[in-house]
Amino acid sequence: MDAGLAHGLWTALLLVTFAAIVGWAWSGRRKRDFDEAARLPLEDDPPAAGDAGGSEDGSGSRARAGVAVSEAGVGAGAGEARHG
């Protein structure tokens, strides 16, 4: 097989793959899923489980996240362990 034939077959394979992806994306069966995904940025986030005690501005969850980060030892150099 020479290089020209291999390049032609590769191009044909990519064209068929592209056409299959376009057909899948534009099929009527996927419309409901894509419409739902399109509305996601417009919907409010549901409250996280266990986030009932946070303040009204949401700073409670950020404060808890900060504690978790500091307990994980952020700030220690690579390979150093925190003792104490």
Protein backbone atom coordinates (compact mmCIF):
# COMPACT_ATOMS: atom_id res chain seq x y z
CA MET A 1 0.00 0.00 0.00
CA ASP A 2 1.53 3.30 -0.98
CA ALA A 3 1.27 6.54 1.02
CA GLY A 4 -1.33 8.09 -1.29
CA LEU A 5 -3.77 5.22 -0.79
CA ALA A 6 -3.21 5.24 2.99
CA HIS A 7 -3.87 8.99 3.14
CA GLY A 8 -7.02 8.59 1.06
CA LEU A 9 -8.36 5.81 3.27
CA TRP A 10 -7.54 7.82 6.40
CA THR A 11 -9.36 10.85 4.98
CA ALA A 12 -12.40 8.73 4.07
CA LEU A 13 -12.49 7.22 7.57
CA LEU A 14 -12.36 10.66 9.18
CA LEU A 15 -15.10 11.96 6.88
CA VAL A 16 -17.38 9.04 7.76
CA THR A 17 -16.64 9.54 11.47
CA PHE A 18 -17.45 13.25 11.22
CA ALA A 19 -20.70 12.53 9.37
CA ALA A 20 -21.69 9.98 12.04
CA ILE A 21 -21.06 12.48 14.86
CA VAL A 22 -23.07 15.19 13.07
CA GLY A 23 -25.91 12.72 12.46
CA TRP A 24 -25.90 11.67 16.12
CA ALA A 25 -25.89 15.27 17.37
CA TRP A 26 -28.73 16.39 15.11
CA SER A 27 -30.92 13.29 15.55
CA GLY A 28 -34.37 13.87 16.98
CA ARG A 29 -33.77 11.31 19.73
CA ARG A 30 -31.12 13.55 21.34
CA LYS A 31 -33.19 16.76 21.29
CA ARG A 32 -34.58 16.35 24.82
CA ASP A 33 -31.12 15.72 26.30
CA PHE A 34 -29.58 18.69 24.50
CA ASP A 35 -32.48 21.00 25.45
CA GLU A 36 -32.06 19.97 29.09
CA ALA A 37 -28.30 20.60 28.94
CA ALA A 38 -28.90 24.00 27.33
CA ARG A 39 -31.09 25.07 30.28
CA LEU A 40 -28.54 24.06 32.95
CA PRO A 41 -26.76 27.44 33.16
CA LEU A 42 -30.10 29.19 33.72
CA GLU A 43 -31.24 27.00 36.62
CA ASP A 44 -30.42 27.61 40.27
CA ASP A 45 -28.04 25.19 41.90
CA PRO A 46 -29.73 22.88 44.40
CA PRO A 47 -28.46 23.26 47.97
CA ALA A 48 -25.64 20.87 48.77
CA ALA A 49 -26.36 18.05 51.19
CA GLY A 50 -25.23 19.09 54.64
CA ASP A 51 -25.14 22.80 53.74
CA ALA A 52 -28.13 23.65 55.94
CA GLY A 53 -26.04 25.53 58.54
CA GLY A 54 -24.43 28.06 56.20
CA SER A 55 -25.11 31.77 56.35
CA GLU A 56 -27.49 33.44 53.96
CA ASP A 57 -24.73 34.77 51.72
CA GLY A 58 -23.29 31.29 51.31
CA SER A 59 -20.07 32.06 53.18
CA GLY A 60 -20.60 29.07 55.48
CA SER A 61 -19.73 26.56 52.78
CA ARG A 62 -16.68 28.56 51.74
CA ALA A 63 -15.46 28.72 55.33
CA ARG A 64 -15.79 24.97 55.70
CA ALA A 65 -13.91 24.48 52.44
CA GLY A 66 -11.12 26.73 53.72
CA VAL A 67 -10.79 24.66 56.88
CA ALA A 68 -10.59 21.47 54.84
CA VAL A 69 -7.88 22.96 52.67
CA SER A 70 -5.83 24.17 55.64
CA GLU A 71 -6.16 20.79 57.37
CA ALA A 72 -4.85 19.10 54.22
CA GLY A 73 -1.50 20.80 54.70
CA VAL A 74 -1.54 23.30 51.87
CA GLY A 75 1.55 25.44 52.10
CA ALA A 76 3.96 22.65 52.96
CA GLY A 77 6.69 22.24 50.38
CA ALA A 78 6.78 19.30 48.03
CA GLY A 79 7.66 16.15 49.91
CA GLU A 80 7.41 17.81 53.32
CA ALA A 81 5.05 16.43 55.91
CA ARG A 82 3.30 18.58 58.47
CA HIS A 83 3.84 17.48 62.01
CA GLY A 84 2.19 18.89 65.04
